[in-house]
Amino acid sequence: MIRVLIADDHAIVRTGLSQLIGTADDLELVGAADDGEQAVTMAAELRPDVVLMDLSMPGTDGVAATGRIVAADSSVRIVVLTSFSDQTRILDALQAGAEGYLLKHSEPEVILAGIREVMAGGSPLDPKAARVLLTHRRNPGPEVKLTGREQEVLRMVGDGLPNKTIARRLGISERTVKAHLTNVYQRLGVTDRTQAALWAQRHAQWHTQGQPDQGY
């Protein structure tokens, strides 16, 4: 049996997916979370094989939840099931650790097949998601270049350290830490600390430009 956890903030979607999974003899629904934070907690408690993850949820979104679930247990397979097919959402989800990306308007048999495929080691991708991923691999965009000090700050953010601790360790002010983070967000193309931390965790090494800044 493939143990499945659903994460979606819409009750009607959770109900529909629960009923769909109930039609398959080889699938077992172990739980249904209504936000990302609950999905992280339930994944740790219930240890599902596959999580069907929505992206747009209040509080902890699907990308952040995916990263935290995979970081805690790399054996859990995440299949994104969402209404969004834009490039940024797709790449963020896959970068966070999702192994599949399907759209909610997919036929029921496609969703069931996606759960089985990811358990078999595959990567079920909606055609739109596959095109985005292929285009990105062909044209990955400009190389991310961070200064030595920006790398130090980002690495500590990836370790979960708050600004106050980072400032103390580097011997700089919290205001300077925030300034470095603003630059890091712009260069990585992310909008918040969680996304930056996920980027840092997924890229253990990156190209260094210049030396760590001195004197501040």
N, C-alpha and C. Protein backbone atom coordinates (compact mmCIF):
# COMPACT_ATOMS: atom_id res chain seq x y z
N MET A 1 0.83 -1.20 0.00
CA MET A 1 0.00 0.00 0.00
C MET A 1 0.87 1.26 0.00
N ILE A 2 0.47 2.23 -0.79
CA ILE A 2 1.15 3.52 -0.82
C ILE A 2 0.38 4.46 0.10
N ARG A 3 1.06 4.94 1.14
CA ARG A 3 0.42 5.81 2.13
C ARG A 3 0.49 7.26 1.65
N VAL A 4 -0.67 7.92 1.57
CA VAL A 4 -0.76 9.25 0.97
C VAL A 4 -1.29 10.27 1.98
N LEU A 5 -0.63 11.43 2.01
CA LEU A 5 -1.09 12.56 2.80
C LEU A 5 -1.47 13.69 1.85
N ILE A 6 -2.62 14.31 2.07
CA ILE A 6 -3.09 15.43 1.25
C ILE A 6 -2.85 16.73 2.01
N ALA A 7 -2.38 17.76 1.31
CA ALA A 7 -2.22 19.09 1.91
C ALA A 7 -2.86 20.11 0.98
N ASP A 8 -4.01 20.65 1.40
CA ASP A 8 -4.72 21.64 0.59
C ASP A 8 -5.65 22.43 1.51
N ASP A 9 -5.73 23.74 1.30
CA ASP A 9 -6.53 24.57 2.21
C ASP A 9 -8.01 24.64 1.82
N HIS A 10 -8.39 23.99 0.73
CA HIS A 10 -9.79 23.98 0.33
C HIS A 10 -10.43 22.63 0.68
N ALA A 11 -11.47 22.69 1.51
CA ALA A 11 -12.12 21.46 1.98
C ALA A 11 -12.67 20.63 0.83
N ILE A 12 -13.21 21.29 -0.18
CA ILE A 12 -13.81 20.55 -1.30
C ILE A 12 -12.74 19.78 -2.07
N VAL A 13 -11.53 20.35 -2.15
CA VAL A 13 -10.43 19.66 -2.84
C VAL A 13 -9.98 18.46 -2.00
N ARG A 14 -9.84 18.67 -0.70
CA ARG A 14 -9.44 17.57 0.18
C ARG A 14 -10.44 16.42 0.11
N THR A 15 -11.72 16.77 0.10
CA THR A 15 -12.76 15.74 0.02
C THR A 15 -12.69 14.98 -1.30
N GLY A 16 -12.55 15.73 -2.38
CA GLY A 16 -12.48 15.09 -3.70
C GLY A 16 -11.28 14.17 -3.84
N LEU A 17 -10.12 14.63 -3.36
CA LEU A 17 -8.92 13.81 -3.45
C LEU A 17 -9.03 12.59 -2.53
N SER A 18 -9.62 12.78 -1.36
CA SER A 18 -9.82 11.65 -0.45
C SER A 18 -10.67 10.57 -1.10
N GLN A 19 -11.75 10.99 -1.76
CA GLN A 19 -12.62 10.04 -2.44
C GLN A 19 -11.90 9.35 -3.59
N LEU A 20 -11.08 10.13 -4.31
CA LEU A 20 -10.33 9.56 -5.44
C LEU A 20 -9.36 8.49 -4.95
N ILE A 21 -8.60 8.81 -3.92
CA ILE A 21 -7.64 7.84 -3.38
C ILE A 21 -8.36 6.60 -2.86
N GLY A 22 -9.57 6.79 -2.33
CA GLY A 22 -10.35 5.66 -1.83
C GLY A 22 -10.77 4.69 -2.90
N THR A 23 -10.71 5.10 -4.17
CA THR A 23 -11.09 4.20 -5.27
C THR A 23 -9.96 3.27 -5.68
N ALA A 24 -8.74 3.53 -5.19
CA ALA A 24 -7.58 2.74 -5.60
C ALA A 24 -7.23 1.70 -4.54
N ASP A 25 -7.12 0.46 -4.95
CA ASP A 25 -6.83 -0.63 -4.01
C ASP A 25 -5.41 -0.56 -3.45
N ASP A 26 -4.50 0.11 -4.16
CA ASP A 26 -3.11 0.13 -3.73
C ASP A 26 -2.72 1.42 -3.01
N LEU A 27 -3.70 2.31 -2.76
CA LEU A 27 -3.43 3.57 -2.08
C LEU A 27 -4.20 3.64 -0.77
N GLU A 28 -3.59 4.27 0.22
CA GLU A 28 -4.23 4.45 1.53
C GLU A 28 -4.08 5.90 1.95
N LEU A 29 -5.19 6.57 2.23
CA LEU A 29 -5.14 7.93 2.73
C LEU A 29 -4.86 7.90 4.23
N VAL A 30 -3.76 8.56 4.64
CA VAL A 30 -3.40 8.55 6.06
C VAL A 30 -3.75 9.87 6.75
N GLY A 31 -4.04 10.92 5.97
CA GLY A 31 -4.38 12.19 6.59
C GLY A 31 -4.58 13.28 5.56
N ALA A 32 -5.18 14.39 6.02
CA ALA A 32 -5.43 15.54 5.14
C ALA A 32 -5.17 16.81 5.94
N ALA A 33 -4.19 17.59 5.52
CA ALA A 33 -3.83 18.84 6.20
C ALA A 33 -4.44 20.02 5.48
N ASP A 34 -4.82 21.06 6.24
CA ASP A 34 -5.45 22.22 5.60
C ASP A 34 -4.52 23.42 5.49
N ASP A 35 -3.24 23.25 5.86
CA ASP A 35 -2.24 24.29 5.60
C ASP A 35 -0.85 23.66 5.64
N GLY A 36 0.16 24.46 5.26
CA GLY A 36 1.50 23.92 5.18
C GLY A 36 2.08 23.49 6.50
N GLU A 37 1.82 24.27 7.55
CA GLU A 37 2.37 23.95 8.87
C GLU A 37 1.81 22.61 9.36
N GLN A 38 0.51 22.42 9.16
CA GLN A 38 -0.10 21.15 9.56
C GLN A 38 0.44 20.00 8.73
N ALA A 39 0.73 20.26 7.46
CA ALA A 39 1.30 19.22 6.60
C ALA A 39 2.65 18.76 7.12
N VAL A 40 3.48 19.72 7.56
CA VAL A 40 4.80 19.37 8.11
C VAL A 40 4.64 18.51 9.36
N THR A 41 3.74 18.90 10.25
CA THR A 41 3.51 18.16 11.49
C THR A 41 2.98 16.76 11.21
N MET A 42 1.98 16.67 10.32
CA MET A 42 1.37 15.38 10.02
C MET A 42 2.34 14.46 9.29
N ALA A 43 3.19 15.02 8.44
CA ALA A 43 4.17 14.20 7.73
C ALA A 43 5.14 13.56 8.72
N ALA A 44 5.53 14.32 9.75
CA ALA A 44 6.45 13.79 10.75
C ALA A 44 5.78 12.71 11.60
N GLU A 45 4.49 12.90 11.90
CA GLU A 45 3.77 11.95 12.76
C GLU A 45 3.32 10.70 12.01
N LEU A 46 2.83 10.90 10.78
CA LEU A 46 2.20 9.80 10.05
C LEU A 46 3.14 9.08 9.09
N ARG A 47 4.25 9.73 8.74
CA ARG A 47 5.26 9.15 7.84
C ARG A 47 4.64 8.58 6.56
N PRO A 48 4.00 9.43 5.76
CA PRO A 48 3.42 8.97 4.50
C PRO A 48 4.51 8.67 3.48
N ASP A 49 4.14 7.91 2.47
CA ASP A 49 5.06 7.66 1.36
C ASP A 49 5.05 8.84 0.39
N VAL A 50 3.85 9.39 0.17
CA VAL A 50 3.67 10.47 -0.81
C VAL A 50 2.80 11.57 -0.19
N VAL A 51 3.18 12.81 -0.45
CA VAL A 51 2.35 13.95 -0.06
C VAL A 51 1.89 14.66 -1.32
N LEU A 52 0.57 14.82 -1.46
CA LEU A 52 0.02 15.65 -2.53
C LEU A 52 -0.06 17.07 -1.98
N MET A 53 0.76 17.97 -2.50
CA MET A 53 0.97 19.27 -1.89
C MET A 53 0.45 20.42 -2.75
N ASP A 54 -0.49 21.17 -2.19
CA ASP A 54 -0.91 22.42 -2.84
C ASP A 54 0.18 23.46 -2.57
N LEU A 55 0.27 24.49 -3.39
CA LEU A 55 1.29 25.51 -3.19
C LEU A 55 0.77 26.73 -2.45
N SER A 56 -0.40 27.20 -2.81
CA SER A 56 -0.95 28.41 -2.22
C SER A 56 -1.80 28.08 -1.01
N MET A 57 -1.19 28.22 0.18
CA MET A 57 -1.90 27.97 1.43
C MET A 57 -1.53 29.06 2.42
N PRO A 58 -2.41 29.38 3.35
CA PRO A 58 -2.12 30.42 4.33
C PRO A 58 -0.97 30.02 5.25
N GLY A 59 -0.25 31.03 5.74
CA GLY A 59 0.87 30.74 6.63
C GLY A 59 2.02 30.11 5.86
N THR A 60 2.41 28.94 6.26
CA THR A 60 3.47 28.20 5.57
C THR A 60 2.95 27.69 4.23
N ASP A 61 3.52 28.17 3.13
CA ASP A 61 3.01 27.75 1.82
C ASP A 61 3.58 26.39 1.43
N GLY A 62 3.15 25.90 0.26
CA GLY A 62 3.55 24.57 -0.16
C GLY A 62 5.03 24.41 -0.44
N VAL A 63 5.68 25.47 -0.93
CA VAL A 63 7.12 25.40 -1.21
C VAL A 63 7.90 25.24 0.09
N ALA A 64 7.59 26.09 1.07
CA ALA A 64 8.28 26.02 2.35
C ALA A 64 8.00 24.69 3.05
N ALA A 65 6.75 24.24 3.00
CA ALA A 65 6.39 22.96 3.62
C ALA A 65 7.13 21.81 2.96
N THR A 66 7.23 21.85 1.66
CA THR A 66 7.97 20.81 0.92
C THR A 66 9.41 20.73 1.39
N GLY A 67 10.06 21.89 1.47
CA GLY A 67 11.45 21.92 1.90
C GLY A 67 11.64 21.35 3.29
N ARG A 68 10.74 21.68 4.20
CA ARG A 68 10.86 21.21 5.57
C ARG A 68 10.58 19.71 5.69
N ILE A 69 9.61 19.22 4.94
CA ILE A 69 9.29 17.80 4.99
C ILE A 69 10.44 16.97 4.44
N VAL A 70 10.97 17.38 3.30
CA VAL A 70 12.06 16.64 2.68
C VAL A 70 13.33 16.71 3.53
N ALA A 71 13.57 17.86 4.15
CA ALA A 71 14.75 18.00 5.01
C ALA A 71 14.67 17.07 6.21
N ALA A 72 13.45 16.86 6.71
CA ALA A 72 13.26 15.99 7.88
C ALA A 72 13.28 14.51 7.52
N ASP A 73 12.80 14.18 6.32
CA ASP A 73 12.73 12.78 5.89
C ASP A 73 12.81 12.72 4.37
N SER A 74 13.99 12.42 3.87
CA SER A 74 14.21 12.44 2.42
C SER A 74 13.49 11.30 1.69
N SER A 75 12.92 10.34 2.45
CA SER A 75 12.22 9.24 1.80
C SER A 75 10.81 9.62 1.37
N VAL A 76 10.29 10.73 1.90
CA VAL A 76 8.94 11.17 1.54
C VAL A 76 8.97 11.79 0.15
N ARG A 77 8.06 11.34 -0.71
CA ARG A 77 7.95 11.90 -2.05
C ARG A 77 6.87 12.98 -2.06
N ILE A 78 7.21 14.13 -2.62
CA ILE A 78 6.25 15.23 -2.71
C ILE A 78 5.81 15.40 -4.15
N VAL A 79 4.51 15.34 -4.37
CA VAL A 79 3.95 15.64 -5.69
C VAL A 79 3.10 16.90 -5.53
N VAL A 80 3.52 17.97 -6.18
CA VAL A 80 2.74 19.20 -6.13
C VAL A 80 1.48 19.02 -6.95
N LEU A 81 0.35 19.43 -6.38
CA LEU A 81 -0.92 19.39 -7.10
C LEU A 81 -1.55 20.77 -6.91
N THR A 82 -1.47 21.59 -7.94
CA THR A 82 -1.82 22.99 -7.80
C THR A 82 -2.49 23.53 -9.05
N SER A 83 -2.95 24.77 -8.95
CA SER A 83 -3.55 25.44 -10.11
C SER A 83 -2.54 26.28 -10.86
N PHE A 84 -1.34 26.44 -10.30
CA PHE A 84 -0.34 27.34 -10.87
C PHE A 84 0.59 26.62 -11.83
N SER A 85 0.82 27.23 -12.97
CA SER A 85 1.75 26.64 -13.95
C SER A 85 2.80 27.64 -14.39
N ASP A 86 3.02 28.73 -13.60
CA ASP A 86 4.03 29.71 -13.99
C ASP A 86 5.42 29.20 -13.62
N GLN A 87 6.41 29.71 -14.33
CA GLN A 87 7.77 29.20 -14.20
C GLN A 87 8.31 29.30 -12.79
N THR A 88 8.11 30.44 -12.13
CA THR A 88 8.67 30.64 -10.80
C THR A 88 8.15 29.61 -9.81
N ARG A 89 6.83 29.38 -9.82
CA ARG A 89 6.24 28.41 -8.89
C ARG A 89 6.79 27.01 -9.15
N ILE A 90 6.86 26.63 -10.41
CA ILE A 90 7.34 25.29 -10.76
C ILE A 90 8.78 25.09 -10.30
N LEU A 91 9.65 26.03 -10.64
CA LEU A 91 11.06 25.88 -10.29
C LEU A 91 11.27 25.94 -8.78
N ASP A 92 10.54 26.81 -8.09
CA ASP A 92 10.67 26.89 -6.64
C ASP A 92 10.28 25.56 -5.99
N ALA A 93 9.18 24.97 -6.45
CA ALA A 93 8.71 23.72 -5.87
C ALA A 93 9.70 22.59 -6.11
N LEU A 94 10.20 22.47 -7.32
CA LEU A 94 11.15 21.41 -7.62
C LEU A 94 12.47 21.62 -6.89
N GLN A 95 12.88 22.88 -6.78
CA GLN A 95 14.11 23.19 -6.05
C GLN A 95 13.97 22.85 -4.57
N ALA A 96 12.76 23.02 -4.03
CA ALA A 96 12.52 22.73 -2.62
C ALA A 96 12.52 21.23 -2.33
N GLY A 97 12.40 20.40 -3.38
CA GLY A 97 12.45 18.96 -3.17
C GLY A 97 11.28 18.17 -3.73
N ALA A 98 10.32 18.85 -4.36
CA ALA A 98 9.21 18.12 -4.98
C ALA A 98 9.73 17.27 -6.13
N GLU A 99 9.16 16.09 -6.29
CA GLU A 99 9.59 15.18 -7.36
C GLU A 99 8.55 15.07 -8.47
N GLY A 100 7.41 15.73 -8.28
CA GLY A 100 6.38 15.73 -9.31
C GLY A 100 5.61 17.04 -9.27
N TYR A 101 5.01 17.39 -10.38
CA TYR A 101 4.26 18.66 -10.45
C TYR A 101 3.07 18.45 -11.39
N LEU A 102 1.88 18.36 -10.79
CA LEU A 102 0.66 18.15 -11.57
C LEU A 102 -0.31 19.29 -11.32
N LEU A 103 -1.20 19.52 -12.26
CA LEU A 103 -2.19 20.58 -12.13
C LEU A 103 -3.53 20.00 -11.71
N LYS A 104 -4.31 20.79 -10.99
CA LYS A 104 -5.57 20.29 -10.42
C LYS A 104 -6.61 19.93 -11.47
N HIS A 105 -6.45 20.48 -12.67
CA HIS A 105 -7.43 20.11 -13.69
C HIS A 105 -7.06 18.80 -14.39
N SER A 106 -6.01 18.14 -13.92
CA SER A 106 -5.62 16.85 -14.50
C SER A 106 -6.74 15.82 -14.32
N GLU A 107 -6.82 14.88 -15.22
CA GLU A 107 -7.79 13.81 -15.10
C GLU A 107 -7.48 12.97 -13.86
N PRO A 108 -8.49 12.43 -13.21
CA PRO A 108 -8.27 11.63 -12.00
C PRO A 108 -7.24 10.52 -12.18
N GLU A 109 -7.29 9.85 -13.33
CA GLU A 109 -6.34 8.75 -13.53
C GLU A 109 -4.90 9.26 -13.64
N VAL A 110 -4.74 10.51 -14.08
CA VAL A 110 -3.39 11.10 -14.17
C VAL A 110 -2.83 11.33 -12.76
N ILE A 111 -3.68 11.79 -11.86
CA ILE A 111 -3.24 12.02 -10.49
C ILE A 111 -2.87 10.70 -9.81
N LEU A 112 -3.70 9.69 -9.98
CA LEU A 112 -3.41 8.38 -9.39
C LEU A 112 -2.12 7.80 -9.98
N ALA A 113 -1.97 7.94 -11.29
CA ALA A 113 -0.76 7.44 -11.95
C ALA A 113 0.47 8.19 -11.46
N GLY A 114 0.31 9.51 -11.17
CA GLY A 114 1.42 10.30 -10.68
C GLY A 114 1.90 9.83 -9.32
N ILE A 115 0.97 9.45 -8.45
CA ILE A 115 1.34 8.93 -7.13
C ILE A 115 2.14 7.64 -7.29
N ARG A 116 1.66 6.77 -8.15
CA ARG A 116 2.37 5.50 -8.36
C ARG A 116 3.73 5.72 -9.03
N GLU A 117 3.77 6.65 -9.96
CA GLU A 117 5.02 6.90 -10.69
C GLU A 117 6.11 7.42 -9.77
N VAL A 118 5.75 8.37 -8.88
CA VAL A 118 6.77 8.93 -8.00
C VAL A 118 7.27 7.88 -7.01
N MET A 119 6.42 6.96 -6.62
CA MET A 119 6.85 5.88 -5.73
C MET A 119 7.78 4.90 -6.44
N ALA A 120 7.64 4.83 -7.75
CA ALA A 120 8.49 3.94 -8.55
C ALA A 120 9.80 4.62 -8.94
N GLY A 121 10.00 5.85 -8.45
CA GLY A 121 11.25 6.55 -8.76
C GLY A 121 11.15 7.52 -9.91
N GLY A 122 9.95 7.72 -10.43
CA GLY A 122 9.77 8.64 -11.55
C GLY A 122 9.46 10.06 -11.09
N SER A 123 9.27 10.94 -12.08
CA SER A 123 8.95 12.34 -11.80
C SER A 123 7.75 12.75 -12.65
N PRO A 124 6.55 12.53 -12.13
CA PRO A 124 5.36 12.90 -12.91
C PRO A 124 5.24 14.41 -13.07
N LEU A 125 5.24 14.86 -14.31
CA LEU A 125 5.18 16.29 -14.59
C LEU A 125 4.08 16.60 -15.59
N ASP A 126 3.26 17.58 -15.26
CA ASP A 126 2.30 18.09 -16.23
C ASP A 126 3.08 18.61 -17.43
N PRO A 127 2.56 18.47 -18.65
CA PRO A 127 3.29 18.94 -19.83
C PRO A 127 3.78 20.39 -19.72
N LYS A 128 2.98 21.27 -19.11
CA LYS A 128 3.40 22.67 -18.95
C LYS A 128 4.62 22.75 -18.04
N ALA A 129 4.61 21.98 -16.96
CA ALA A 129 5.74 21.98 -16.03
C ALA A 129 6.98 21.39 -16.70
N ALA A 130 6.80 20.36 -17.49
CA ALA A 130 7.92 19.74 -18.19
C ALA A 130 8.57 20.72 -19.17
N ARG A 131 7.74 21.51 -19.86
CA ARG A 131 8.29 22.49 -20.80
C ARG A 131 9.08 23.57 -20.07
N VAL A 132 8.54 24.02 -18.95
CA VAL A 132 9.25 25.03 -18.16
C VAL A 132 10.60 24.50 -17.69
N LEU A 133 10.62 23.27 -17.19
CA LEU A 133 11.85 22.68 -16.68
C LEU A 133 12.86 22.50 -17.80
N LEU A 134 12.41 22.05 -18.97
CA LEU A 134 13.30 21.87 -20.11
C LEU A 134 13.88 23.19 -20.56
N THR A 135 13.04 24.21 -20.62
CA THR A 135 13.51 25.54 -21.03
C THR A 135 14.53 26.08 -20.04
N HIS A 136 14.28 25.88 -18.76
CA HIS A 136 15.20 26.36 -17.74
C HIS A 136 16.55 25.67 -17.84
N ARG A 137 16.54 24.37 -18.13
CA ARG A 137 17.81 23.64 -18.24
C ARG A 137 18.60 24.09 -19.46
N ARG A 138 17.88 24.44 -20.52
CA ARG A 138 18.57 24.92 -21.72
C ARG A 138 19.08 26.34 -21.54
N ASN A 139 18.29 27.14 -20.80
CA ASN A 139 18.64 28.54 -20.58
C ASN A 139 18.50 28.84 -19.08
N PRO A 140 19.47 28.42 -18.30
CA PRO A 140 19.34 28.54 -16.85
C PRO A 140 19.39 29.96 -16.31
N GLY A 141 19.71 30.93 -17.17
CA GLY A 141 19.74 32.31 -16.71
C GLY A 141 21.11 32.66 -16.15
N PRO A 142 21.28 33.89 -15.70
CA PRO A 142 22.58 34.34 -15.21
C PRO A 142 23.02 33.59 -13.97
N GLU A 143 24.31 33.37 -13.86
CA GLU A 143 24.89 32.68 -12.72
C GLU A 143 24.75 33.55 -11.47
N VAL A 144 24.38 32.95 -10.37
CA VAL A 144 24.25 33.70 -9.13
C VAL A 144 25.64 34.00 -8.59
N LYS A 145 25.90 35.27 -8.32
CA LYS A 145 27.20 35.69 -7.82
C LYS A 145 27.01 36.48 -6.53
N LEU A 146 27.60 35.97 -5.45
CA LEU A 146 27.49 36.61 -4.16
C LEU A 146 28.88 36.95 -3.64
N THR A 147 28.99 38.04 -2.89
CA THR A 147 30.26 38.36 -2.26
C THR A 147 30.52 37.36 -1.14
N GLY A 148 31.75 37.35 -0.66
CA GLY A 148 32.09 36.43 0.41
C GLY A 148 31.24 36.65 1.65
N ARG A 149 31.01 37.91 2.01
CA ARG A 149 30.20 38.18 3.19
C ARG A 149 28.75 37.78 2.97
N GLU A 150 28.23 38.01 1.78
CA GLU A 150 26.85 37.60 1.47
C GLU A 150 26.71 36.09 1.56
N GLN A 151 27.74 35.36 1.13
CA GLN A 151 27.72 33.91 1.25
C GLN A 151 27.68 33.47 2.71
N GLU A 152 28.47 34.16 3.54
CA GLU A 152 28.48 33.83 4.96
C GLU A 152 27.11 34.04 5.59
N VAL A 153 26.49 35.17 5.27
CA VAL A 153 25.17 35.48 5.81
C VAL A 153 24.15 34.46 5.32
N LEU A 154 24.17 34.15 4.03
CA LEU A 154 23.21 33.20 3.47
C LEU A 154 23.40 31.81 4.07
N ARG A 155 24.64 31.42 4.26
CA ARG A 155 24.90 30.10 4.84
C ARG A 155 24.32 30.00 6.25
N MET A 156 24.44 31.07 7.00
CA MET A 156 23.90 31.06 8.37
C MET A 156 22.37 31.11 8.38
N VAL A 157 21.80 31.82 7.41
CA VAL A 157 20.35 31.81 7.27
C VAL A 157 19.88 30.39 6.96
N GLY A 158 20.61 29.70 6.10
CA GLY A 158 20.29 28.32 5.77
C GLY A 158 20.39 27.40 6.97
N ASP A 159 21.23 27.78 7.95
CA ASP A 159 21.35 26.99 9.18
C ASP A 159 20.28 27.35 10.20
N GLY A 160 19.43 28.33 9.83
CA GLY A 160 18.34 28.70 10.72
C GLY A 160 18.68 29.73 11.77
N LEU A 161 19.80 30.43 11.62
CA LEU A 161 20.20 31.41 12.63
C LEU A 161 19.47 32.74 12.43
N PRO A 162 19.06 33.40 13.53
CA PRO A 162 18.42 34.71 13.42
C PRO A 162 19.44 35.80 13.15
N ASN A 163 18.97 36.96 12.73
CA ASN A 163 19.87 38.07 12.38
C ASN A 163 20.78 38.46 13.54
N LYS A 164 20.24 38.46 14.76
CA LYS A 164 21.03 38.88 15.92
C LYS A 164 22.24 37.97 16.11
N THR A 165 22.03 36.66 15.95
CA THR A 165 23.13 35.71 16.11
C THR A 165 24.14 35.85 14.98
N ILE A 166 23.63 36.04 13.76
CA ILE A 166 24.52 36.23 12.61
C ILE A 166 25.39 37.45 12.81
N ALA A 167 24.77 38.55 13.26
CA ALA A 167 25.52 39.79 13.50
C ALA A 167 26.62 39.57 14.52
N ARG A 168 26.30 38.88 15.61
CA ARG A 168 27.29 38.63 16.67
C ARG A 168 28.44 37.78 16.17
N ARG A 169 28.13 36.75 15.40
CA ARG A 169 29.18 35.85 14.92
C ARG A 169 30.10 36.53 13.91
N LEU A 170 29.53 37.41 13.11
CA LEU A 170 30.33 38.08 12.08
C LEU A 170 30.92 39.40 12.56
N GLY A 171 30.51 39.86 13.74
CA GLY A 171 31.04 41.10 14.26
C GLY A 171 30.52 42.32 13.52
N ILE A 172 29.28 42.25 13.05
CA ILE A 172 28.67 43.36 12.33
C ILE A 172 27.32 43.68 12.97
N SER A 173 26.71 44.77 12.55
CA SER A 173 25.43 45.16 13.13
C SER A 173 24.28 44.39 12.48
N GLU A 174 23.15 44.30 13.18
CA GLU A 174 21.96 43.66 12.61
C GLU A 174 21.51 44.41 11.36
N ARG A 175 21.67 45.73 11.38
CA ARG A 175 21.29 46.53 10.22
C ARG A 175 22.10 46.12 8.99
N THR A 176 23.39 45.84 9.19
CA THR A 176 24.23 45.41 8.08
C THR A 176 23.82 44.03 7.59
N VAL A 177 23.45 43.15 8.54
CA VAL A 177 22.97 41.82 8.16
C VAL A 177 21.74 41.95 7.27
N LYS A 178 20.81 42.81 7.67
CA LYS A 178 19.59 43.02 6.88
C LYS A 178 19.91 43.56 5.50
N ALA A 179 20.91 44.45 5.43
CA ALA A 179 21.30 45.01 4.13
C ALA A 179 21.87 43.92 3.22
N HIS A 180 22.69 43.04 3.80
CA HIS A 180 23.25 41.93 3.01
C HIS A 180 22.13 41.01 2.53
N LEU A 181 21.15 40.75 3.41
CA LEU A 181 20.04 39.87 3.03
C LEU A 181 19.22 40.47 1.91
N THR A 182 19.02 41.77 1.94
CA THR A 182 18.28 42.43 0.86
C THR A 182 18.98 42.20 -0.47
N ASN A 183 20.31 42.33 -0.48
CA ASN A 183 21.08 42.09 -1.70
C ASN A 183 20.98 40.62 -2.13
N VAL A 184 21.05 39.72 -1.14
CA VAL A 184 20.96 38.29 -1.44
C VAL A 184 19.62 37.95 -2.06
N TYR A 185 18.53 38.48 -1.49
CA TYR A 185 17.20 38.21 -2.04
C TYR A 185 17.13 38.62 -3.51
N GLN A 186 17.64 39.79 -3.81
CA GLN A 186 17.59 40.31 -5.19
C GLN A 186 18.38 39.42 -6.13
N ARG A 187 19.55 38.99 -5.70
CA ARG A 187 20.40 38.19 -6.59
C ARG A 187 19.90 36.76 -6.77
N LEU A 188 19.24 36.23 -5.76
CA LEU A 188 18.70 34.87 -5.88
C LEU A 188 17.33 34.86 -6.54
N GLY A 189 16.67 36.03 -6.58
CA GLY A 189 15.33 36.08 -7.15
C GLY A 189 14.28 35.53 -6.20
N VAL A 190 14.52 35.68 -4.88
CA VAL A 190 13.56 35.23 -3.87
C VAL A 190 13.00 36.45 -3.15
N THR A 191 11.97 36.24 -2.35
CA THR A 191 11.32 37.38 -1.71
C THR A 191 11.35 37.34 -0.19
N ASP A 192 11.80 36.24 0.39
CA ASP A 192 11.80 36.20 1.85
C ASP A 192 12.88 35.26 2.39
N ARG A 193 12.99 35.23 3.70
CA ARG A 193 14.03 34.46 4.39
C ARG A 193 13.88 32.96 4.17
N THR A 194 12.63 32.49 4.18
CA THR A 194 12.39 31.06 4.00
C THR A 194 12.88 30.58 2.65
N GLN A 195 12.56 31.33 1.59
CA GLN A 195 13.00 30.94 0.25
C GLN A 195 14.52 31.00 0.14
N ALA A 196 15.14 31.99 0.78
CA ALA A 196 16.60 32.10 0.76
C ALA A 196 17.23 30.91 1.48
N ALA A 197 16.64 30.52 2.61
CA ALA A 197 17.16 29.38 3.36
C ALA A 197 17.05 28.09 2.55
N LEU A 198 15.93 27.92 1.85
CA LEU A 198 15.77 26.74 1.00
C LEU A 198 16.81 26.73 -0.10
N TRP A 199 17.07 27.90 -0.69
CA TRP A 199 18.08 27.99 -1.74
C TRP A 199 19.44 27.57 -1.18
N ALA A 200 19.77 28.07 -0.01
CA ALA A 200 21.06 27.75 0.61
C ALA A 200 21.19 26.26 0.89
N GLN A 201 20.10 25.64 1.35
CA GLN A 201 20.13 24.22 1.67
C GLN A 201 20.27 23.37 0.41
N ARG A 202 19.70 23.86 -0.71
CA ARG A 202 19.74 23.09 -1.95
C ARG A 202 21.04 23.32 -2.73
N HIS A 203 21.79 24.36 -2.38
CA HIS A 203 23.04 24.67 -3.08
C HIS A 203 24.14 24.78 -2.04
N ALA A 204 24.73 23.65 -1.72
CA ALA A 204 25.76 23.63 -0.68
C ALA A 204 26.96 24.49 -1.07
N GLN A 205 27.20 24.61 -2.36
CA GLN A 205 28.33 25.41 -2.83
C GLN A 205 27.85 26.29 -3.98
N TRP A 206 28.41 27.46 -4.06
CA TRP A 206 28.14 28.33 -5.21
C TRP A 206 29.38 29.16 -5.48
N HIS A 207 29.45 29.78 -6.65
CA HIS A 207 30.64 30.51 -7.05
C HIS A 207 30.88 31.73 -6.18
N THR A 208 32.09 31.91 -5.79
CA THR A 208 32.47 33.06 -4.97
C THR A 208 32.97 34.18 -5.87
N GLN A 209 32.49 35.37 -5.62
CA GLN A 209 32.98 36.55 -6.31
C GLN A 209 33.55 37.49 -5.26
N GLY A 210 34.86 37.68 -5.27
CA GLY A 210 35.47 38.57 -4.30
C GLY A 210 35.71 37.86 -2.98
N GLN A 211 36.25 38.59 -2.01
CA GLN A 211 36.57 38.07 -0.70
C GLN A 211 35.59 38.61 0.32
N PRO A 212 35.49 37.96 1.49
CA PRO A 212 34.60 38.48 2.52
C PRO A 212 34.92 39.93 2.83
N ASP A 213 33.89 40.72 2.97
CA ASP A 213 34.08 42.14 3.24
C ASP A 213 34.76 42.34 4.59
N GLN A 214 35.51 43.37 4.70
CA GLN A 214 36.24 43.64 5.92
C GLN A 214 35.73 44.92 6.57
N GLY A 215 35.82 44.98 7.90
CA GLY A 215 35.60 46.23 8.59
C GLY A 215 34.16 46.58 8.90
N TYR A 216 33.20 45.72 8.57
CA TYR A 216 31.82 46.02 8.93
C TYR A 216 31.02 44.75 8.96
